[in-house]
Structures are given as C-alpha cells and as structure tokens.
Amino acid sequence: MDKIVRITQLSDNETDFAFWKNVSHTERLTQLEKIRQEFNGWKYGAEQRFQRVYTIIERP
C-alpha cells in the first residue's frame, strides 16, 4: 500500500467516507485488524495472545 498524505480541514469528513466507500471489504477488515494490533501494542505493550484458562475440578 502506498502512503499518501493530504492536508485537510477537520470539518471535512466526506473525503474519509468517500475513500473507505471505494475500498473493498477485505481491505477494510485488513486495515481494521492492523489498527487493532497497533492499539493493543500501545496499550498493553505486547502482542495479544490467547488467554490462559485454568479450571480446578474435584475428583471423587
């Protein structure tokens, strides 16, 4: 993906909508996953992994 920089006004939200409207569903989900991973890296300081779950059972 090429990096593109555009300077716009904060009140100009229509360009964002028009851009994402023209992007395929697969690419939208791919970009959303990248954003989610970056956020988790910033917030938790590590890559998100599966949670360990322990269950203690009593045997008769």
Protein backbone atom coordinates (compact mmCIF):
# COMPACT_ATOMS: atom_id res chain seq x y z
CA MET A 1 0.00 0.00 0.00
CA ASP A 2 1.35 3.43 -0.92
CA LYS A 3 1.48 6.05 1.81
CA ILE A 4 -0.42 9.18 0.85
CA VAL A 5 -0.55 12.42 2.86
CA ARG A 6 -3.27 15.02 2.34
CA ILE A 7 -3.77 18.19 4.36
CA THR A 8 -7.46 18.88 5.01
CA GLN A 9 -9.72 20.70 7.42
CA LEU A 10 -11.06 18.86 10.47
CA SER A 11 -14.60 19.64 9.37
CA ASP A 12 -14.05 17.82 6.05
CA ASN A 13 -15.22 14.28 6.89
CA GLU A 14 -16.69 13.50 3.49
CA THR A 15 -13.31 12.65 1.98
CA ASP A 16 -12.76 9.88 4.55
CA PHE A 17 -16.17 8.41 3.84
CA ALA A 18 -15.63 8.56 0.08
CA PHE A 19 -12.23 6.89 0.41
CA TRP A 20 -13.45 3.98 2.55
CA LYS A 21 -16.55 3.58 0.40
CA ASN A 22 -14.32 2.77 -2.58
CA VAL A 23 -12.12 0.27 -0.70
CA SER A 24 -13.03 -3.43 -0.79
CA HIS A 25 -14.48 -5.15 2.27
CA THR A 26 -11.40 -7.34 2.59
CA GLU A 27 -9.06 -4.35 2.59
CA ARG A 28 -11.22 -2.55 5.19
CA LEU A 29 -11.03 -5.55 7.51
CA THR A 30 -7.29 -5.87 6.94
CA GLN A 31 -6.74 -2.22 7.87
CA LEU A 32 -9.04 -2.54 10.89
CA GLU A 33 -7.01 -5.52 12.13
CA LYS A 34 -3.77 -3.53 11.73
CA ILE A 35 -5.24 -0.67 13.76
CA ARG A 36 -6.41 -3.11 16.45
CA GLN A 37 -2.96 -4.70 16.70
CA GLU A 38 -1.24 -1.30 16.92
CA PHE A 39 -3.64 -0.16 19.65
CA ASN A 40 -3.08 -3.33 21.67
CA GLY A 41 0.68 -2.85 21.30
CA TRP A 42 0.47 0.71 22.62
CA LYS A 43 -1.96 -0.08 25.43
CA TYR A 44 -0.59 -3.39 26.66
CA GLY A 45 3.00 -3.19 25.40
CA ALA A 46 2.90 -6.63 23.82
CA GLU A 47 1.27 -8.67 21.13
CA GLN A 48 -2.12 -10.03 22.12
CA ARG A 49 -2.23 -13.78 22.62
CA PHE A 50 -4.69 -16.38 23.80
CA GLN A 51 -5.74 -16.09 27.41
CA ARG A 52 -4.78 -18.97 29.68
CA VAL A 53 -7.74 -20.51 31.41
CA TYR A 54 -7.40 -22.96 34.28
CA THR A 55 -10.21 -25.00 35.73
CA ILE A 56 -9.84 -26.84 39.02
CA ILE A 57 -12.02 -29.88 39.33
CA GLU A 58 -12.57 -32.17 42.29
CA ARG A 59 -12.36 -35.88 41.68
CA PRO A 60 -14.44 -38.24 43.78
